[in-house]
Amino acid sequence: MRFILIAVLLLLLPVTAYSIPFTFGARLSTPQIVSVSLSYRPAHVWFVQIEPGLGGAKVALGIGGSWDYKFGIAVKSSLLYTWGNPMGDTEPKQTYAGGEGVIMVTGINLTFGLYAHIDGDDEDKDMLVSVGAGLGF
């Protein structure tokens, strides 16, 4: 009886872990420098993500998924706000809106995004390119 109980618990743990709608990640990127992300998946392919970092923060709404953390792909619409000393020639206290693509292979992700300047006093920088690499999705 004890063996059956342990076997059932061991089978339920991966199912429970898989069904948790939150995922975490960490990334090195421009202009945020180092950031961590928390994603919430209210539906199977849709997600909402927050990503605070040393040089700014992003809030995103996206669509995508991963298959056993071996391969994943996502596209997200993001709002980016910079603070502190952001990487590159980006000024702090600027707001950008744009899109970003993510490709993940065996837990390592690569990101590329294009953002338009929508608020702040840096009139010279009307576009921002963001690139990054990290862990998680």
N, C-alpha and C. Protein backbone atom coordinates (compact mmCIF):
# COMPACT_ATOMS: atom_id res chain seq x y z
N MET A 1 0.82 -1.20 0.00
CA MET A 1 0.00 0.00 0.00
C MET A 1 0.87 1.27 0.00
N ARG A 2 1.93 1.26 0.79
CA ARG A 2 2.82 2.41 0.85
C ARG A 2 3.48 2.65 -0.51
N PHE A 3 3.86 1.58 -1.20
CA PHE A 3 4.47 1.69 -2.52
C PHE A 3 3.51 2.35 -3.50
N ILE A 4 2.26 1.97 -3.49
CA ILE A 4 1.25 2.54 -4.39
C ILE A 4 1.06 4.03 -4.10
N LEU A 5 1.02 4.39 -2.82
CA LEU A 5 0.87 5.79 -2.44
C LEU A 5 2.06 6.63 -2.93
N ILE A 6 3.27 6.13 -2.75
CA ILE A 6 4.46 6.85 -3.21
C ILE A 6 4.47 6.95 -4.73
N ALA A 7 4.09 5.88 -5.42
CA ALA A 7 4.06 5.89 -6.88
C ALA A 7 3.04 6.92 -7.40
N VAL A 8 1.88 6.99 -6.77
CA VAL A 8 0.86 7.96 -7.18
C VAL A 8 1.37 9.39 -6.95
N LEU A 9 2.01 9.65 -5.81
CA LEU A 9 2.55 10.98 -5.54
C LEU A 9 3.62 11.36 -6.55
N LEU A 10 4.50 10.42 -6.89
CA LEU A 10 5.55 10.70 -7.88
C LEU A 10 4.98 10.97 -9.26
N LEU A 11 3.88 10.33 -9.59
CA LEU A 11 3.23 10.59 -10.88
C LEU A 11 2.49 11.92 -10.89
N LEU A 12 1.96 12.33 -9.75
CA LEU A 12 1.20 13.58 -9.69
C LEU A 12 2.10 14.82 -9.65
N LEU A 13 3.31 14.72 -9.12
CA LEU A 13 4.19 15.87 -9.01
C LEU A 13 4.50 16.51 -10.35
N PRO A 14 4.92 15.74 -11.38
CA PRO A 14 5.18 16.40 -12.67
C PRO A 14 3.94 17.01 -13.30
N VAL A 15 2.78 16.39 -13.14
CA VAL A 15 1.55 16.93 -13.69
C VAL A 15 1.21 18.24 -13.00
N THR A 16 1.37 18.29 -11.68
CA THR A 16 1.09 19.52 -10.93
C THR A 16 2.07 20.62 -11.32
N ALA A 17 3.36 20.27 -11.42
CA ALA A 17 4.36 21.27 -11.80
C ALA A 17 4.11 21.78 -13.21
N TYR A 18 3.68 20.91 -14.12
CA TYR A 18 3.42 21.32 -15.50
C TYR A 18 2.20 22.23 -15.59
N SER A 19 1.23 22.03 -14.70
CA SER A 19 -0.01 22.79 -14.79
C SER A 19 0.06 24.14 -14.09
N ILE A 20 1.15 24.45 -13.37
CA ILE A 20 1.28 25.74 -12.72
C ILE A 20 1.42 26.81 -13.81
N PRO A 21 0.57 27.84 -13.76
CA PRO A 21 0.56 28.82 -14.86
C PRO A 21 1.65 29.89 -14.79
N PHE A 22 2.62 29.79 -13.88
CA PHE A 22 3.68 30.78 -13.76
C PHE A 22 5.01 30.21 -14.22
N THR A 23 5.81 31.01 -14.93
CA THR A 23 7.17 30.63 -15.31
C THR A 23 8.10 31.79 -15.00
N PHE A 24 9.35 31.45 -14.74
CA PHE A 24 10.37 32.44 -14.38
C PHE A 24 11.49 32.42 -15.41
N GLY A 25 12.21 33.52 -15.51
CA GLY A 25 13.35 33.60 -16.41
C GLY A 25 14.33 34.65 -15.94
N ALA A 26 15.51 34.64 -16.52
CA ALA A 26 16.54 35.65 -16.24
C ALA A 26 17.21 35.98 -17.57
N ARG A 27 17.62 37.25 -17.73
CA ARG A 27 18.12 37.66 -19.04
C ARG A 27 19.16 38.77 -18.91
N LEU A 28 20.12 38.76 -19.82
CA LEU A 28 21.03 39.88 -20.06
C LEU A 28 20.56 40.52 -21.36
N SER A 29 20.23 41.80 -21.32
CA SER A 29 19.69 42.43 -22.53
C SER A 29 19.93 43.93 -22.52
N THR A 30 19.73 44.52 -23.70
CA THR A 30 19.76 45.97 -23.83
C THR A 30 18.32 46.47 -23.81
N PRO A 31 18.00 47.53 -23.18
CA PRO A 31 18.79 48.38 -22.32
C PRO A 31 18.72 47.99 -20.85
N GLN A 32 18.04 46.91 -20.51
CA GLN A 32 17.79 46.56 -19.11
C GLN A 32 19.00 46.00 -18.36
N ILE A 33 20.03 45.62 -19.03
CA ILE A 33 21.25 45.04 -18.48
C ILE A 33 20.93 43.64 -17.95
N VAL A 34 20.61 43.50 -16.69
CA VAL A 34 20.24 42.21 -16.10
C VAL A 34 18.79 42.32 -15.64
N SER A 35 17.98 41.32 -15.97
CA SER A 35 16.57 41.35 -15.57
C SER A 35 16.07 39.95 -15.23
N VAL A 36 14.98 39.91 -14.50
CA VAL A 36 14.27 38.66 -14.22
C VAL A 36 12.85 38.82 -14.72
N SER A 37 12.24 37.71 -15.09
CA SER A 37 10.88 37.80 -15.61
C SER A 37 9.96 36.83 -14.89
N LEU A 38 8.71 37.22 -14.79
CA LEU A 38 7.65 36.38 -14.27
C LEU A 38 6.54 36.41 -15.31
N SER A 39 6.18 35.23 -15.81
CA SER A 39 5.12 35.13 -16.81
C SER A 39 3.94 34.37 -16.22
N TYR A 40 2.75 34.83 -16.55
CA TYR A 40 1.51 34.17 -16.14
C TYR A 40 0.77 33.76 -17.40
N ARG A 41 0.38 32.49 -17.45
CA ARG A 41 -0.33 31.95 -18.61
C ARG A 41 -1.79 31.66 -18.23
N PRO A 42 -2.69 32.62 -18.46
CA PRO A 42 -4.10 32.35 -18.15
C PRO A 42 -4.75 31.38 -19.14
N ALA A 43 -4.16 31.26 -20.32
CA ALA A 43 -4.63 30.32 -21.34
C ALA A 43 -3.42 29.56 -21.86
N HIS A 44 -3.64 28.58 -22.67
CA HIS A 44 -2.55 27.70 -23.11
C HIS A 44 -1.44 28.42 -23.86
N VAL A 45 -1.75 29.31 -24.77
CA VAL A 45 -0.71 29.96 -25.57
C VAL A 45 -0.52 31.44 -25.24
N TRP A 46 -1.46 32.07 -24.53
CA TRP A 46 -1.35 33.48 -24.19
C TRP A 46 -0.61 33.65 -22.87
N PHE A 47 0.15 34.74 -22.75
CA PHE A 47 0.81 35.01 -21.48
C PHE A 47 0.94 36.51 -21.24
N VAL A 48 1.06 36.85 -19.98
CA VAL A 48 1.33 38.21 -19.52
C VAL A 48 2.65 38.13 -18.78
N GLN A 49 3.56 39.09 -19.03
CA GLN A 49 4.90 39.01 -18.45
C GLN A 49 5.33 40.37 -17.89
N ILE A 50 5.98 40.31 -16.72
CA ILE A 50 6.65 41.49 -16.18
C ILE A 50 8.13 41.16 -16.08
N GLU A 51 8.98 42.16 -16.36
CA GLU A 51 10.42 41.91 -16.41
C GLU A 51 11.19 43.12 -15.88
N PRO A 52 11.35 43.24 -14.56
CA PRO A 52 12.16 44.33 -14.03
C PRO A 52 13.65 44.03 -14.16
N GLY A 53 14.44 45.08 -14.39
CA GLY A 53 15.88 44.92 -14.51
C GLY A 53 16.62 46.11 -13.94
N LEU A 54 17.93 46.09 -14.03
CA LEU A 54 18.75 47.17 -13.51
C LEU A 54 18.58 48.47 -14.28
N GLY A 55 18.34 48.38 -15.60
CA GLY A 55 18.24 49.57 -16.43
C GLY A 55 16.84 49.90 -16.89
N GLY A 56 15.83 49.18 -16.39
CA GLY A 56 14.45 49.44 -16.80
C GLY A 56 13.57 48.23 -16.57
N ALA A 57 12.32 48.35 -17.00
CA ALA A 57 11.36 47.26 -16.83
C ALA A 57 10.46 47.17 -18.05
N LYS A 58 9.96 45.96 -18.30
CA LYS A 58 9.03 45.71 -19.39
C LYS A 58 7.77 45.06 -18.85
N VAL A 59 6.66 45.38 -19.49
CA VAL A 59 5.39 44.68 -19.28
C VAL A 59 4.97 44.23 -20.67
N ALA A 60 4.59 42.94 -20.80
CA ALA A 60 4.30 42.41 -22.14
C ALA A 60 3.06 41.52 -22.13
N LEU A 61 2.42 41.46 -23.28
CA LEU A 61 1.34 40.53 -23.57
C LEU A 61 1.78 39.77 -24.81
N GLY A 62 1.76 38.44 -24.73
CA GLY A 62 2.29 37.68 -25.85
C GLY A 62 1.57 36.39 -26.13
N ILE A 63 2.03 35.74 -27.18
CA ILE A 63 1.52 34.44 -27.59
C ILE A 63 2.73 33.56 -27.90
N GLY A 64 2.68 32.33 -27.45
CA GLY A 64 3.80 31.41 -27.70
C GLY A 64 3.74 30.22 -26.77
N GLY A 65 4.73 29.38 -26.88
CA GLY A 65 4.78 28.21 -26.03
C GLY A 65 6.09 27.48 -26.17
N SER A 66 6.26 26.48 -25.31
CA SER A 66 7.47 25.67 -25.36
C SER A 66 7.07 24.20 -25.30
N TRP A 67 7.94 23.37 -25.80
CA TRP A 67 7.72 21.94 -25.82
C TRP A 67 8.80 21.28 -24.99
N ASP A 68 8.43 20.91 -23.76
CA ASP A 68 9.33 20.25 -22.81
C ASP A 68 10.61 21.03 -22.56
N TYR A 69 10.58 22.32 -22.69
CA TYR A 69 11.75 23.20 -22.53
C TYR A 69 12.89 22.83 -23.46
N LYS A 70 12.57 22.11 -24.53
CA LYS A 70 13.57 21.80 -25.55
C LYS A 70 13.54 22.84 -26.66
N PHE A 71 12.35 23.34 -26.96
CA PHE A 71 12.20 24.36 -27.99
C PHE A 71 10.99 25.22 -27.66
N GLY A 72 11.11 26.52 -27.86
CA GLY A 72 9.99 27.42 -27.63
C GLY A 72 10.11 28.64 -28.52
N ILE A 73 8.97 29.26 -28.76
CA ILE A 73 8.94 30.45 -29.59
C ILE A 73 7.79 31.33 -29.08
N ALA A 74 8.01 32.65 -29.12
CA ALA A 74 6.97 33.58 -28.67
C ALA A 74 7.14 34.92 -29.39
N VAL A 75 6.02 35.63 -29.48
CA VAL A 75 5.99 37.00 -29.98
C VAL A 75 5.21 37.79 -28.95
N LYS A 76 5.74 38.95 -28.57
CA LYS A 76 5.05 39.73 -27.55
C LYS A 76 5.07 41.21 -27.86
N SER A 77 4.01 41.87 -27.43
CA SER A 77 3.88 43.31 -27.52
C SER A 77 4.26 43.87 -26.15
N SER A 78 5.21 44.81 -26.12
CA SER A 78 5.78 45.24 -24.84
C SER A 78 5.77 46.75 -24.66
N LEU A 79 5.72 47.14 -23.41
CA LEU A 79 5.91 48.52 -22.99
C LEU A 79 7.16 48.53 -22.13
N LEU A 80 8.14 49.38 -22.46
CA LEU A 80 9.44 49.42 -21.79
C LEU A 80 9.66 50.80 -21.19
N TYR A 81 10.06 50.82 -19.92
CA TYR A 81 10.40 52.07 -19.24
C TYR A 81 11.83 51.95 -18.72
N THR A 82 12.67 52.95 -18.99
CA THR A 82 14.07 52.89 -18.56
C THR A 82 14.27 53.71 -17.29
N TRP A 83 15.26 53.27 -16.49
CA TRP A 83 15.66 54.00 -15.28
C TRP A 83 17.12 53.71 -15.00
N GLY A 84 17.64 54.35 -13.97
CA GLY A 84 19.03 54.10 -13.59
C GLY A 84 20.00 54.50 -14.68
N ASN A 85 20.84 53.56 -15.08
CA ASN A 85 21.83 53.77 -16.13
C ASN A 85 21.65 52.68 -17.19
N PRO A 86 20.66 52.80 -18.08
CA PRO A 86 20.40 51.75 -19.06
C PRO A 86 21.58 51.54 -20.01
N MET A 87 21.70 50.31 -20.51
CA MET A 87 22.79 49.95 -21.42
C MET A 87 22.61 50.65 -22.77
N GLY A 88 23.72 50.98 -23.39
CA GLY A 88 23.69 51.64 -24.69
C GLY A 88 23.55 53.14 -24.55
N ASP A 89 23.10 53.77 -25.60
CA ASP A 89 22.94 55.23 -25.57
C ASP A 89 21.52 55.64 -25.21
N THR A 90 20.85 54.80 -24.45
CA THR A 90 19.48 55.06 -24.01
C THR A 90 19.50 55.87 -22.72
N GLU A 91 18.65 56.88 -22.65
CA GLU A 91 18.54 57.72 -21.47
C GLU A 91 17.55 57.12 -20.47
N PRO A 92 17.71 57.41 -19.17
CA PRO A 92 16.72 56.97 -18.19
C PRO A 92 15.43 57.80 -18.30
N LYS A 93 14.37 57.29 -17.71
CA LYS A 93 13.05 57.94 -17.66
C LYS A 93 12.45 58.13 -19.05
N GLN A 94 12.61 57.11 -19.89
CA GLN A 94 12.04 57.12 -21.24
C GLN A 94 11.07 55.94 -21.35
N THR A 95 10.01 56.10 -22.13
CA THR A 95 9.03 55.04 -22.35
C THR A 95 9.02 54.68 -23.82
N TYR A 96 9.04 53.37 -24.08
CA TYR A 96 9.04 52.84 -25.44
C TYR A 96 7.94 51.79 -25.55
N ALA A 97 7.34 51.68 -26.73
CA ALA A 97 6.36 50.63 -27.02
C ALA A 97 6.83 49.90 -28.27
N GLY A 98 6.67 48.58 -28.26
CA GLY A 98 7.11 47.82 -29.43
C GLY A 98 6.82 46.35 -29.32
N GLY A 99 7.56 45.60 -30.10
CA GLY A 99 7.37 44.16 -30.15
C GLY A 99 8.69 43.43 -29.99
N GLU A 100 8.58 42.19 -29.59
CA GLU A 100 9.78 41.39 -29.35
C GLU A 100 9.51 39.94 -29.72
N GLY A 101 10.52 39.30 -30.26
CA GLY A 101 10.45 37.88 -30.56
C GLY A 101 11.40 37.11 -29.65
N VAL A 102 11.01 35.89 -29.28
CA VAL A 102 11.81 35.05 -28.40
C VAL A 102 11.93 33.66 -29.02
N ILE A 103 13.14 33.13 -29.04
CA ILE A 103 13.38 31.74 -29.44
C ILE A 103 14.12 31.09 -28.28
N MET A 104 13.65 29.92 -27.84
CA MET A 104 14.26 29.22 -26.73
C MET A 104 14.64 27.80 -27.18
N VAL A 105 15.88 27.42 -26.89
CA VAL A 105 16.35 26.07 -27.19
C VAL A 105 17.02 25.53 -25.93
N THR A 106 16.55 24.41 -25.45
CA THR A 106 17.02 23.74 -24.22
C THR A 106 17.21 24.71 -23.06
N GLY A 107 16.23 25.57 -22.84
CA GLY A 107 16.23 26.47 -21.70
C GLY A 107 16.98 27.77 -21.90
N ILE A 108 17.68 27.95 -23.02
CA ILE A 108 18.41 29.19 -23.29
C ILE A 108 17.60 29.99 -24.31
N ASN A 109 17.32 31.26 -23.98
CA ASN A 109 16.50 32.06 -24.88
C ASN A 109 17.29 33.19 -25.51
N LEU A 110 16.90 33.54 -26.71
CA LEU A 110 17.45 34.68 -27.45
C LEU A 110 16.28 35.59 -27.80
N THR A 111 16.46 36.91 -27.60
CA THR A 111 15.38 37.86 -27.87
C THR A 111 15.86 38.97 -28.80
N PHE A 112 14.92 39.48 -29.57
CA PHE A 112 15.18 40.62 -30.45
C PHE A 112 13.92 41.47 -30.48
N GLY A 113 14.05 42.77 -30.23
CA GLY A 113 12.89 43.63 -30.21
C GLY A 113 13.15 44.99 -30.84
N LEU A 114 12.09 45.59 -31.35
CA LEU A 114 12.12 46.95 -31.90
C LEU A 114 11.08 47.77 -31.15
N TYR A 115 11.50 48.96 -30.68
CA TYR A 115 10.63 49.80 -29.87
C TYR A 115 10.63 51.22 -30.40
N ALA A 116 9.48 51.87 -30.31
CA ALA A 116 9.33 53.28 -30.69
C ALA A 116 9.24 54.12 -29.42
N HIS A 117 9.89 55.26 -29.43
CA HIS A 117 9.88 56.19 -28.29
C HIS A 117 8.50 56.85 -28.21
N ILE A 118 7.84 56.74 -27.04
CA ILE A 118 6.50 57.34 -26.92
C ILE A 118 6.41 58.39 -25.83
N ASP A 119 7.39 58.43 -24.89
CA ASP A 119 7.34 59.44 -23.84
C ASP A 119 8.73 59.64 -23.24
N GLY A 120 9.01 60.86 -22.82
CA GLY A 120 10.29 61.20 -22.22
C GLY A 120 10.93 62.36 -22.97
N ASP A 121 12.00 62.88 -22.39
CA ASP A 121 12.61 64.08 -22.96
C ASP A 121 13.75 63.80 -23.93
N ASP A 122 14.01 62.56 -24.30
CA ASP A 122 15.07 62.22 -25.26
C ASP A 122 14.49 62.22 -26.67
N GLU A 123 14.40 63.39 -27.27
CA GLU A 123 13.79 63.53 -28.59
C GLU A 123 14.67 62.97 -29.71
N ASP A 124 15.97 62.79 -29.45
CA ASP A 124 16.88 62.29 -30.48
C ASP A 124 16.73 60.79 -30.74
N LYS A 125 16.24 60.05 -29.78
CA LYS A 125 16.16 58.59 -29.89
C LYS A 125 14.71 58.19 -30.12
N ASP A 126 14.30 58.06 -31.38
CA ASP A 126 12.91 57.69 -31.65
C ASP A 126 12.71 56.19 -31.85
N MET A 127 13.79 55.41 -31.98
CA MET A 127 13.70 53.95 -32.09
C MET A 127 14.75 53.32 -31.18
N LEU A 128 14.43 52.14 -30.68
CA LEU A 128 15.32 51.41 -29.80
C LEU A 128 15.35 49.96 -30.26
N VAL A 129 16.53 49.39 -30.39
CA VAL A 129 16.69 47.97 -30.69
C VAL A 129 17.12 47.28 -29.41
N SER A 130 16.43 46.20 -29.07
CA SER A 130 16.74 45.44 -27.87
C SER A 130 17.14 44.02 -28.26
N VAL A 131 18.27 43.56 -27.76
CA VAL A 131 18.71 42.18 -27.96
C VAL A 131 19.09 41.60 -26.61
N GLY A 132 18.92 40.27 -26.47
CA GLY A 132 19.24 39.67 -25.19
C GLY A 132 19.39 38.17 -25.29
N ALA A 133 19.91 37.60 -24.20
CA ALA A 133 20.05 36.15 -24.06
C ALA A 133 19.84 35.83 -22.59
N GLY A 134 19.25 34.66 -22.33
CA GLY A 134 18.99 34.32 -20.93
C GLY A 134 18.58 32.88 -20.73
N LEU A 135 18.04 32.62 -19.56
CA LEU A 135 17.58 31.30 -19.16
C LEU A 135 16.08 31.33 -18.93
N GLY A 136 15.42 30.25 -19.26
CA GLY A 136 13.98 30.17 -19.06
C GLY A 136 13.22 30.72 -20.25
N PHE A 137 11.93 30.82 -20.09
CA PHE A 137 11.10 31.31 -21.18
C PHE A 137 10.33 32.49 -20.71
